[in-house]
Amino acid sequence: GLRTALVSNGPLALGRAVRLADWSALIDRVFISSELRLSKPDPAVFPAVTAQLEVNPDQVAFIDDRIECVDAAGAYGWLSHLWVDDADSMTWLAEVCNQELPTH
């Protein structure tokens, strides 16, 4: 099946809060910039996360609200989409999954 990950720029406290949140069980991996010591859209973020997920870049579907992050992820080979609203992102994600996004 598909795995989920959160990649967010933020302090260590954000990572702790996410991991303790009620919805944290929906996320397989959490990557916080202060833990990675890299922030999006730094091009080094994407290979670091890809390596830790043990997947190929084209196996990652990425949604972000900053165009520079979307562009950087796309340049690395991630399938990337600019978040406009939830409905738009869900439609895009459904289309990506219907294209048989490789899974682990």
PDB file of N, CA and C in Angstrom:
ATOM      1  N   GLY A   1       0.815  -1.191   0.000  1.00  0.00           N
ATOM      2  CA  GLY A   1       0.000   0.000   0.000  1.00  0.00           C
ATOM      3  C   GLY A   1       0.853   1.247   0.000  1.00  0.00           C
ATOM      4  N   LEU A   2       0.197   2.361   0.014  1.00  0.00           N
ATOM      5  CA  LEU A   2       0.877   3.647   0.036  1.00  0.00           C
ATOM      6  C   LEU A   2       1.325   3.992   1.445  1.00  0.00           C
ATOM      7  N   ARG A   3       2.446   4.663   1.529  1.00  0.00           N
ATOM      8  CA  ARG A   3       2.925   5.187   2.802  1.00  0.00           C
ATOM      9  C   ARG A   3       2.737   6.696   2.790  1.00  0.00           C
ATOM     10  N   THR A   4       2.577   7.267   3.968  1.00  0.00           N
ATOM     11  CA  THR A   4       2.427   8.712   4.078  1.00  0.00           C
ATOM     12  C   THR A   4       3.576   9.293   4.880  1.00  0.00           C
ATOM     13  N   ALA A   5       3.956  10.502   4.508  1.00  0.00           N
ATOM     14  CA  ALA A   5       5.009  11.202   5.234  1.00  0.00           C
ATOM     15  C   ALA A   5       4.674  12.686   5.259  1.00  0.00           C
ATOM     16  N   LEU A   6       5.124  13.337   6.291  1.00  0.00           N
ATOM     17  CA  LEU A   6       4.984  14.783   6.432  1.00  0.00           C
ATOM     18  C   LEU A   6       6.381  15.373   6.378  1.00  0.00           C
ATOM     19  N   VAL A   7       6.587  16.341   5.496  1.00  0.00           N
ATOM     20  CA  VAL A   7       7.853  17.054   5.402  1.00  0.00           C
ATOM     21  C   VAL A   7       7.524  18.518   5.666  1.00  0.00           C
ATOM     22  N   SER A   8       7.995  19.038   6.791  1.00  0.00           N
ATOM     23  CA  SER A   8       7.615  20.394   7.180  1.00  0.00           C
ATOM     24  C   SER A   8       8.810  21.172   7.702  1.00  0.00           C
ATOM     25  N   ASN A   9       8.836  22.452   7.382  1.00  0.00           N
ATOM     26  CA  ASN A   9       9.823  23.346   7.971  1.00  0.00           C
ATOM     27  C   ASN A   9       9.310  23.760   9.342  1.00  0.00           C
ATOM     28  N   GLY A  10      10.113  23.560  10.354  1.00  0.00           N
ATOM     29  CA  GLY A  10       9.667  23.955  11.684  1.00  0.00           C
ATOM     30  C   GLY A  10      10.654  23.561  12.761  1.00  0.00           C
ATOM     31  N   PRO A  11      10.379  23.998  13.985  1.00  0.00           N
ATOM     32  CA  PRO A  11      11.252  23.701  15.121  1.00  0.00           C
ATOM     33  C   PRO A  11      11.033  22.283  15.647  1.00  0.00           C
ATOM     34  N   LEU A  12      11.916  21.854  16.520  1.00  0.00           N
ATOM     35  CA  LEU A  12      11.794  20.525  17.129  1.00  0.00           C
ATOM     36  C   LEU A  12      10.438  20.332  17.790  1.00  0.00           C
ATOM     37  N   ALA A  13       9.903  21.378  18.390  1.00  0.00           N
ATOM     38  CA  ALA A  13       8.605  21.277  19.066  1.00  0.00           C
ATOM     39  C   ALA A  13       7.498  20.873  18.098  1.00  0.00           C
ATOM     40  N   LEU A  14       7.602  21.288  16.848  1.00  0.00           N
ATOM     41  CA  LEU A  14       6.603  20.890  15.854  1.00  0.00           C
ATOM     42  C   LEU A  14       6.638  19.385  15.643  1.00  0.00           C
ATOM     43  N   GLY A  15       7.818  18.828  15.542  1.00  0.00           N
ATOM     44  CA  GLY A  15       7.946  17.383  15.379  1.00  0.00           C
ATOM     45  C   GLY A  15       7.327  16.624  16.534  1.00  0.00           C
ATOM     46  N   ARG A  16       7.581  17.094  17.740  1.00  0.00           N
ATOM     47  CA  ARG A  16       6.988  16.450  18.919  1.00  0.00           C
ATOM     48  C   ARG A  16       5.470  16.571  18.893  1.00  0.00           C
ATOM     49  N   ALA A  17       4.968  17.751  18.558  1.00  0.00           N
ATOM     50  CA  ALA A  17       3.516  17.970  18.530  1.00  0.00           C
ATOM     51  C   ALA A  17       2.843  17.091  17.486  1.00  0.00           C
ATOM     52  N   VAL A  18       3.451  16.978  16.320  1.00  0.00           N
ATOM     53  CA  VAL A  18       2.879  16.142  15.257  1.00  0.00           C
ATOM     54  C   VAL A  18       2.836  14.688  15.701  1.00  0.00           C
ATOM     55  N   ARG A  19       3.910  14.219  16.290  1.00  0.00           N
ATOM     56  CA  ARG A  19       3.974  12.815  16.696  1.00  0.00           C
ATOM     57  C   ARG A  19       3.004  12.484  17.832  1.00  0.00           C
ATOM     58  N   LEU A  20       2.582  13.485  18.590  1.00  0.00           N
ATOM     59  CA  LEU A  20       1.637  13.282  19.686  1.00  0.00           C
ATOM     60  C   LEU A  20       0.188  13.572  19.294  1.00  0.00           C
ATOM     61  N   ALA A  21      -0.024  14.116  18.120  1.00  0.00           N
ATOM     62  CA  ALA A  21      -1.374  14.489  17.683  1.00  0.00           C
ATOM     63  C   ALA A  21      -2.246  13.252  17.474  1.00  0.00           C
ATOM     64  N   ASP A  22      -3.548  13.431  17.657  1.00  0.00           N
ATOM     65  CA  ASP A  22      -4.499  12.330  17.466  1.00  0.00           C
ATOM     66  C   ASP A  22      -4.379  11.710  16.079  1.00  0.00           C
ATOM     67  N   TRP A  23      -4.089  12.524  15.080  1.00  0.00           N
ATOM     68  CA  TRP A  23      -4.041  12.057  13.701  1.00  0.00           C
ATOM     69  C   TRP A  23      -2.665  11.524  13.297  1.00  0.00           C
ATOM     70  N   SER A  24      -1.729  11.477  14.230  1.00  0.00           N
ATOM     71  CA  SER A  24      -0.370  11.042  13.889  1.00  0.00           C
ATOM     72  C   SER A  24      -0.314   9.605  13.375  1.00  0.00           C
ATOM     73  N   ALA A  25      -1.277   8.786  13.740  1.00  0.00           N
ATOM     74  CA  ALA A  25      -1.300   7.400  13.256  1.00  0.00           C
ATOM     75  C   ALA A  25      -1.522   7.331  11.747  1.00  0.00           C
ATOM     76  N   LEU A  26      -1.992   8.422  11.153  1.00  0.00           N
ATOM     77  CA  LEU A  26      -2.219   8.460   9.706  1.00  0.00           C
ATOM     78  C   LEU A  26      -0.934   8.717   8.928  1.00  0.00           C
ATOM     79  N   ILE A  27       0.131   9.063   9.629  1.00  0.00           N
ATOM     80  CA  ILE A  27       1.395   9.424   8.984  1.00  0.00           C
ATOM     81  C   ILE A  27       2.461   8.410   9.374  1.00  0.00           C
ATOM     82  N   ASP A  28       3.068   7.812   8.356  1.00  0.00           N
ATOM     83  CA  ASP A  28       4.096   6.802   8.605  1.00  0.00           C
ATOM     84  C   ASP A  28       5.431   7.407   9.043  1.00  0.00           C
ATOM     85  N   ARG A  29       5.805   8.528   8.448  1.00  0.00           N
ATOM     86  CA  ARG A  29       7.093   9.167   8.762  1.00  0.00           C
ATOM     87  C   ARG A  29       6.902  10.670   8.869  1.00  0.00           C
ATOM     88  N   VAL A  30       7.629  11.281   9.781  1.00  0.00           N
ATOM     89  CA  VAL A  30       7.597  12.731   9.969  1.00  0.00           C
ATOM     90  C   VAL A  30       9.016  13.257   9.783  1.00  0.00           C
ATOM     91  N   PHE A  31       9.157  14.225   8.907  1.00  0.00           N
ATOM     92  CA  PHE A  31      10.443  14.871   8.657  1.00  0.00           C
ATOM     93  C   PHE A  31      10.282  16.361   8.949  1.00  0.00           C
ATOM     94  N   ILE A  32      10.991  16.857   9.943  1.00  0.00           N
ATOM     95  CA  ILE A  32      10.932  18.256  10.341  1.00  0.00           C
ATOM     96  C   ILE A  32      12.291  18.890  10.038  1.00  0.00           C
ATOM     97  N   SER A  33      12.261  20.070   9.453  1.00  0.00           N
ATOM     98  CA  SER A  33      13.500  20.713   9.008  1.00  0.00           C
ATOM     99  C   SER A  33      14.540  20.844  10.119  1.00  0.00           C
ATOM    100  N   SER A  34      14.110  21.149  11.326  1.00  0.00           N
ATOM    101  CA  SER A  34      15.086  21.304  12.413  1.00  0.00           C
ATOM    102  C   SER A  34      15.749  19.981  12.772  1.00  0.00           C
ATOM    103  N   GLU A  35      15.081  18.874  12.515  1.00  0.00           N
ATOM    104  CA  GLU A  35      15.677  17.555  12.748  1.00  0.00           C
ATOM    105  C   GLU A  35      16.591  17.164  11.590  1.00  0.00           C
ATOM    106  N   LEU A  36      16.166  17.495  10.374  1.00  0.00           N
ATOM    107  CA  LEU A  36      16.971  17.196   9.186  1.00  0.00           C
ATOM    108  C   LEU A  36      18.165  18.137   9.051  1.00  0.00           C
ATOM    109  N   ARG A  37      18.035  19.319   9.675  1.00  0.00           N
ATOM    110  CA  ARG A  37      19.004  20.400   9.513  1.00  0.00           C
ATOM    111  C   ARG A  37      19.050  20.879   8.068  1.00  0.00           C
ATOM    112  N   LEU A  38      17.910  20.756   7.422  1.00  0.00           N
ATOM    113  CA  LEU A  38      17.693  21.225   6.052  1.00  0.00           C
ATOM    114  C   LEU A  38      16.267  21.746   5.975  1.00  0.00           C
ATOM    115  N   SER A  39      16.058  22.796   5.202  1.00  0.00           N
ATOM    116  CA  SER A  39      14.712  23.342   5.047  1.00  0.00           C
ATOM    117  C   SER A  39      14.307  23.339   3.581  1.00  0.00           C
ATOM    118  N   LYS A  40      13.034  23.042   3.328  1.00  0.00           N
ATOM    119  CA  LYS A  40      12.506  23.198   1.980  1.00  0.00           C
ATOM    120  C   LYS A  40      12.563  24.679   1.635  1.00  0.00           C
ATOM    121  N   PRO A  41      12.922  25.090   0.490  1.00  0.00           N
ATOM    122  CA  PRO A  41      13.118  24.326  -0.734  1.00  0.00           C
ATOM    123  C   PRO A  41      14.571  23.947  -1.026  1.00  0.00           C
ATOM    124  N   ASP A  42      15.428  23.885  -0.029  1.00  0.00           N
ATOM    125  CA  ASP A  42      16.815  23.464  -0.250  1.00  0.00           C
ATOM    126  C   ASP A  42      16.802  22.150  -1.028  1.00  0.00           C
ATOM    127  N   PRO A  43      17.469  22.098  -2.171  1.00  0.00           N
ATOM    128  CA  PRO A  43      17.450  20.878  -2.983  1.00  0.00           C
ATOM    129  C   PRO A  43      17.955  19.633  -2.251  1.00  0.00           C
ATOM    130  N   ALA A  44      18.717  19.799  -1.184  1.00  0.00           N
ATOM    131  CA  ALA A  44      19.233  18.647  -0.440  1.00  0.00           C
ATOM    132  C   ALA A  44      18.157  17.948   0.386  1.00  0.00           C
ATOM    133  N   VAL A  45      17.047  18.625   0.660  1.00  0.00           N
ATOM    134  CA  VAL A  45      15.962  18.020   1.442  1.00  0.00           C
ATOM    135  C   VAL A  45      15.404  16.789   0.738  1.00  0.00           C
ATOM    136  N   PHE A  46      15.193  16.901  -0.539  1.00  0.00           N
ATOM    137  CA  PHE A  46      14.454  15.873  -1.269  1.00  0.00           C
ATOM    138  C   PHE A  46      15.205  14.547  -1.384  1.00  0.00           C
ATOM    139  N   PRO A  47      16.500  14.541  -1.715  1.00  0.00           N
ATOM    140  CA  PRO A  47      17.212  13.260  -1.685  1.00  0.00           C
ATOM    141  C   PRO A  47      17.352  12.692  -0.273  1.00  0.00           C
ATOM    142  N   ALA A  48      17.476  13.567   0.736  1.00  0.00           N
ATOM    143  CA  ALA A  48      17.589  13.078   2.118  1.00  0.00           C
ATOM    144  C   ALA A  48      16.321  12.341   2.532  1.00  0.00           C
ATOM    145  N   VAL A  49      15.172  12.923   2.249  1.00  0.00           N
ATOM    146  CA  VAL A  49      13.901  12.285   2.594  1.00  0.00           C
ATOM    147  C   VAL A  49      13.692  11.029   1.760  1.00  0.00           C
ATOM    148  N   THR A  50      13.991  11.104   0.475  1.00  0.00           N
ATOM    149  CA  THR A  50      13.826   9.950  -0.412  1.00  0.00           C
ATOM    150  C   THR A  50      14.657   8.770   0.077  1.00  0.00           C
ATOM    151  N   ALA A  51      15.885   9.036   0.476  1.00  0.00           N
ATOM    152  CA  ALA A  51      16.760   7.966   0.971  1.00  0.00           C
ATOM    153  C   ALA A  51      16.203   7.346   2.245  1.00  0.00           C
ATOM    154  N   GLN A  52      15.709   8.181   3.161  1.00  0.00           N
ATOM    155  CA  GLN A  52      15.172   7.641   4.409  1.00  0.00           C
ATOM    156  C   GLN A  52      13.879   6.865   4.188  1.00  0.00           C
ATOM    157  N   LEU A  53      13.120   7.244   3.168  1.00  0.00           N
ATOM    158  CA  LEU A  53      11.904   6.494   2.839  1.00  0.00           C
ATOM    159  C   LEU A  53      12.211   5.208   2.077  1.00  0.00           C
ATOM    160  N   GLU A  54      13.437   5.114   1.557  1.00  0.00           N
ATOM    161  CA  GLU A  54      13.878   3.957   0.774  1.00  0.00           C
ATOM    162  C   GLU A  54      12.976   3.731  -0.440  1.00  0.00           C
ATOM    163  N   VAL A  55      12.754   4.830  -1.180  1.00  0.00           N
ATOM    164  CA  VAL A  55      11.970   4.784  -2.412  1.00  0.00           C
ATOM    165  C   VAL A  55      12.733   5.537  -3.493  1.00  0.00           C
ATOM    166  N   ASN A  56      12.238   5.453  -4.715  1.00  0.00           N
ATOM    167  CA  ASN A  56      12.775   6.243  -5.811  1.00  0.00           C
ATOM    168  C   ASN A  56      12.049   7.586  -5.843  1.00  0.00           C
ATOM    169  N   PRO A  57      12.677   8.626  -6.377  1.00  0.00           N
ATOM    170  CA  PRO A  57      12.015   9.928  -6.428  1.00  0.00           C
ATOM    171  C   PRO A  57      10.644   9.896  -7.106  1.00  0.00           C
ATOM    172  N   ASP A  58      10.509   9.105  -8.153  1.00  0.00           N
ATOM    173  CA  ASP A  58       9.220   9.067  -8.862  1.00  0.00           C
ATOM    174  C   ASP A  58       8.148   8.281  -8.112  1.00  0.00           C
ATOM    175  N   GLN A  59       8.471   7.824  -6.923  1.00  0.00           N
ATOM    176  CA  GLN A  59       7.495   7.138  -6.075  1.00  0.00           C
ATOM    177  C   GLN A  59       6.940   8.058  -4.990  1.00  0.00           C
ATOM    178  N   VAL A  60       7.292   9.330  -5.060  1.00  0.00           N
ATOM    179  CA  VAL A  60       6.851  10.288  -4.045  1.00  0.00           C
ATOM    180  C   VAL A  60       5.875  11.280  -4.672  1.00  0.00           C
ATOM    181  N   ALA A  61       4.694  11.403  -4.076  1.00  0.00           N
ATOM    182  CA  ALA A  61       3.719  12.430  -4.444  1.00  0.00           C
ATOM    183  C   ALA A  61       3.780  13.498  -3.361  1.00  0.00           C
ATOM    184  N   PHE A  62       4.050  14.721  -3.754  1.00  0.00           N
ATOM    185  CA  PHE A  62       4.333  15.814  -2.821  1.00  0.00           C
ATOM    186  C   PHE A  62       3.379  16.970  -3.059  1.00  0.00           C
ATOM    187  N   ILE A  63       2.762  17.448  -1.990  1.00  0.00           N
ATOM    188  CA  ILE A  63       1.868  18.607  -2.052  1.00  0.00           C
ATOM    189  C   ILE A  63       2.414  19.657  -1.095  1.00  0.00           C
ATOM    190  N   ASP A  64       2.528  20.889  -1.578  1.00  0.00           N
ATOM    191  CA  ASP A  64       3.025  21.974  -0.735  1.00  0.00           C
ATOM    192  C   ASP A  64       2.317  23.262  -1.122  1.00  0.00           C
ATOM    193  N   ASP A  65       2.284  24.214  -0.202  1.00  0.00           N
ATOM    194  CA  ASP A  65       1.618  25.484  -0.480  1.00  0.00           C
ATOM    195  C   ASP A  65       2.577  26.570  -0.962  1.00  0.00           C
ATOM    196  N   ARG A  66       3.834  26.216  -1.152  1.00  0.00           N
ATOM    197  CA  ARG A  66       4.821  27.175  -1.663  1.00  0.00           C
ATOM    198  C   ARG A  66       5.351  26.683  -3.002  1.00  0.00           C
ATOM    199  N   ILE A  67       5.195  27.525  -4.023  1.00  0.00           N
ATOM    200  CA  ILE A  67       5.593  27.132  -5.373  1.00  0.00           C
ATOM    201  C   ILE A  67       7.077  26.792  -5.447  1.00  0.00           C
ATOM    202  N   GLU A  68       7.917  27.488  -4.682  1.00  0.00           N
ATOM    203  CA  GLU A  68       9.348  27.198  -4.741  1.00  0.00           C
ATOM    204  C   GLU A  68       9.653  25.797  -4.208  1.00  0.00           C
ATOM    205  N   CYS A  69       8.875  25.320  -3.252  1.00  0.00           N
ATOM    206  CA  CYS A  69       9.057  23.956  -2.741  1.00  0.00           C
ATOM    207  C   CYS A  69       8.554  22.935  -3.756  1.00  0.00           C
ATOM    208  N   VAL A  70       7.425  23.240  -4.368  1.00  0.00           N
ATOM    209  CA  VAL A  70       6.866  22.359  -5.398  1.00  0.00           C
ATOM    210  C   VAL A  70       7.841  22.247  -6.568  1.00  0.00           C
ATOM    211  N   ASP A  71       8.389  23.380  -6.995  1.00  0.00           N
ATOM    212  CA  ASP A  71       9.343  23.371  -8.107  1.00  0.00           C
ATOM    213  C   ASP A  71      10.610  22.596  -7.755  1.00  0.00           C
ATOM    214  N   ALA A  72      11.129  22.784  -6.552  1.00  0.00           N
ATOM    215  CA  ALA A  72      12.348  22.076  -6.142  1.00  0.00           C
ATOM    216  C   ALA A  72      12.108  20.576  -6.056  1.00  0.00           C
ATOM    217  N   ALA A  73      10.966  20.178  -5.514  1.00  0.00           N
ATOM    218  CA  ALA A  73      10.633  18.752  -5.430  1.00  0.00           C
ATOM    219  C   ALA A  73      10.478  18.156  -6.822  1.00  0.00           C
ATOM    220  N   GLY A  74       9.810  18.883  -7.703  1.00  0.00           N
ATOM    221  CA  GLY A  74       9.635  18.415  -9.076  1.00  0.00           C
ATOM    222  C   GLY A  74      10.957  18.293  -9.809  1.00  0.00           C
ATOM    223  N   ALA A  75      11.860  19.233  -9.565  1.00  0.00           N
ATOM    224  CA  ALA A  75      13.180  19.182 -10.200  1.00  0.00           C
ATOM    225  C   ALA A  75      13.955  17.953  -9.756  1.00  0.00           C
ATOM    226  N   TYR A  76      13.716  17.494  -8.532  1.00  0.00           N
ATOM    227  CA  TYR A  76      14.388  16.289  -8.043  1.00  0.00           C
ATOM    228  C   TYR A  76      13.740  15.018  -8.588  1.00  0.00           C
ATOM    229  N   GLY A  77      12.524  15.120  -9.074  1.00  0.00           N
ATOM    230  CA  GLY A  77      11.863  13.945  -9.633  1.00  0.00           C
ATOM    231  C   GLY A  77      10.618  13.517  -8.889  1.00  0.00           C
ATOM    232  N   TRP A  78      10.286  14.227  -7.804  1.00  0.00           N
ATOM    233  CA  TRP A  78       9.045  13.920  -7.102  1.00  0.00           C
ATOM    234  C   TRP A  78       7.868  14.398  -7.939  1.00  0.00           C
ATOM    235  N   LEU A  79       6.767  13.688  -7.886  1.00  0.00           N
ATOM    236  CA  LEU A  79       5.518  14.156  -8.466  1.00  0.00           C
ATOM    237  C   LEU A  79       5.025  15.251  -7.528  1.00  0.00           C
ATOM    238  N   SER A  80       4.915  16.469  -8.002  1.00  0.00           N
ATOM    239  CA  SER A  80       4.642  17.569  -7.079  1.00  0.00           C
ATOM    240  C   SER A  80       3.458  18.410  -7.528  1.00  0.00           C
ATOM    241  N   HIS A  81       2.786  18.973  -6.540  1.00  0.00           N
ATOM    242  CA  HIS A  81       1.544  19.715  -6.781  1.00  0.00           C
ATOM    243  C   HIS A  81       1.451  20.883  -5.810  1.00  0.00           C
ATOM    244  N   LEU A  82       1.032  22.030  -6.325  1.00  0.00           N
ATOM    245  CA  LEU A  82       0.831  23.208  -5.487  1.00  0.00           C
ATOM    246  C   LEU A  82      -0.538  23.133  -4.827  1.00  0.00           C
ATOM    247  N   TRP A  83      -0.552  23.190  -3.490  1.00  0.00           N
ATOM    248  CA  TRP A  83      -1.813  23.176  -2.756  1.00  0.00           C
ATOM    249  C   TRP A  83      -2.533  24.494  -2.990  1.00  0.00           C
ATOM    250  N   VAL A  84      -3.786  24.380  -3.440  1.00  0.00           N
ATOM    251  CA  VAL A  84      -4.665  25.534  -3.597  1.00  0.00           C
ATOM    252  C   VAL A  84      -5.783  25.425  -2.573  1.00  0.00           C
ATOM    253  N   ASP A  85      -6.359  24.237  -2.514  1.00  0.00           N
ATOM    254  CA  ASP A  85      -7.357  23.917  -1.493  1.00  0.00           C
ATOM    255  C   ASP A  85      -7.413  22.398  -1.369  1.00  0.00           C
ATOM    256  N   ASP A  86      -8.111  21.924  -0.358  1.00  0.00           N
ATOM    257  CA  ASP A  86      -8.155  20.485  -0.100  1.00  0.00           C
ATOM    258  C   ASP A  86      -8.750  19.708  -1.263  1.00  0.00           C
ATOM    259  N   ALA A  87      -9.846  20.211  -1.832  1.00  0.00           N
ATOM    260  CA  ALA A  87     -10.521  19.493  -2.918  1.00  0.00           C
ATOM    261  C   ALA A  87      -9.601  19.334  -4.121  1.00  0.00           C
ATOM    262  N   ASP A  88      -8.899  20.392  -4.485  1.00  0.00           N
ATOM    263  CA  ASP A  88      -7.978  20.342  -5.618  1.00  0.00           C
ATOM    264  C   ASP A  88      -6.864  19.330  -5.370  1.00  0.00           C
ATOM    265  N   SER A  89      -6.297  19.356  -4.178  1.00  0.00           N
ATOM    266  CA  SER A  89      -5.207  18.427  -3.862  1.00  0.00           C
ATOM    267  C   SER A  89      -5.685  16.983  -3.820  1.00  0.00           C
ATOM    268  N   MET A  90      -6.879  16.753  -3.298  1.00  0.00           N
ATOM    269  CA  MET A  90      -7.423  15.390  -3.263  1.00  0.00           C
ATOM    270  C   MET A  90      -7.688  14.879  -4.674  1.00  0.00           C
ATOM    271  N   THR A  91      -8.176  15.750  -5.557  1.00  0.00           N
ATOM    272  CA  THR A  91      -8.394  15.365  -6.956  1.00  0.00           C
ATOM    273  C   THR A  91      -7.072  14.993  -7.604  1.00  0.00           C
ATOM    274  N   TRP A  92      -6.048  15.823  -7.403  1.00  0.00           N
ATOM    275  CA  TRP A  92      -4.731  15.537  -7.972  1.00  0.00           C
ATOM    276  C   TRP A  92      -4.179  14.225  -7.431  1.00  0.00           C
ATOM    277  N   LEU A  93      -4.278  14.028  -6.133  1.00  0.00           N
ATOM    278  CA  LEU A  93      -3.750  12.811  -5.523  1.00  0.00           C
ATOM    279  C   LEU A  93      -4.479  11.577  -6.039  1.00  0.00           C
ATOM    280  N   ALA A  94      -5.786  11.667  -6.216  1.00  0.00           N
ATOM    281  CA  ALA A  94      -6.552  10.546  -6.766  1.00  0.00           C
ATOM    282  C   ALA A  94      -6.089  10.235  -8.187  1.00  0.00           C
ATOM    283  N   GLU A  95      -5.822  11.271  -8.972  1.00  0.00           N
ATOM    284  CA  GLU A  95      -5.333  11.061 -10.339  1.00  0.00           C
ATOM    285  C   GLU A  95      -3.960  10.406 -10.330  1.00  0.00           C
ATOM    286  N   VAL A  96      -3.088  10.858  -9.447  1.00  0.00           N
ATOM    287  CA  VAL A  96      -1.748  10.275  -9.336  1.00  0.00           C
ATOM    288  C   VAL A  96      -1.855   8.803  -8.947  1.00  0.00           C
ATOM    289  N   CYS A  97      -2.701   8.500  -7.988  1.00  0.00           N
ATOM    290  CA  CYS A  97      -2.853   7.114  -7.537  1.00  0.00           C
ATOM    291  C   CYS A  97      -3.477   6.241  -8.617  1.00  0.00           C
ATOM    292  N   ASN A  98      -4.360   6.801  -9.405  1.00  0.00           N
ATOM    293  CA  ASN A  98      -4.943   6.042 -10.513  1.00  0.00           C
ATOM    294  C   ASN A  98      -3.914   5.745 -11.587  1.00  0.00           C
ATOM    295  N   GLN A  99      -2.819   6.509 -11.590  1.00  0.00           N
ATOM    296  CA  GLN A  99      -1.725   6.238 -12.516  1.00  0.00           C
ATOM    297  C   GLN A  99      -0.796   5.182 -11.940  1.00  0.00           C
ATOM    298  N   GLU A 100      -1.289   4.491 -10.931  1.00  0.00           N
ATOM    299  CA  GLU A 100      -0.544   3.416 -10.294  1.00  0.00           C
ATOM    300  C   GLU A 100       0.808   3.884  -9.775  1.00  0.00           C
ATOM    301  N   LEU A 101       0.758   4.872  -8.913  1.00  0.00           N
ATOM    302  CA  LEU A 101       1.958   5.327  -8.225  1.00  0.00           C
ATOM    303  C   LEU A 101       2.616   4.123  -7.567  1.00  0.00           C
ATOM    304  N   PRO A 102       3.886   3.872  -7.847  1.00  0.00           N
ATOM    305  CA  PRO A 102       4.541   2.712  -7.227  1.00  0.00           C
ATOM    306  C   PRO A 102       4.465   2.779  -5.711  1.00  0.00           C
ATOM    307  N   THR A 103       4.247   1.627  -5.086  1.00  0.00           N
ATOM    308  CA  THR A 103       4.156   1.556  -3.633  1.00  0.00           C
ATOM    309  C   THR A 103       5.208   0.596  -3.110  1.00  0.00           C
ATOM    310  N   HIS A 104       5.364   0.576  -1.804  1.00  0.00           N
ATOM    311  CA  HIS A 104       6.373  -0.308  -1.195  1.00  0.00           C
ATOM    312  C   HIS A 104       5.828  -1.695  -0.976  1.00  0.00           C
TER     313      HIS A 104
END
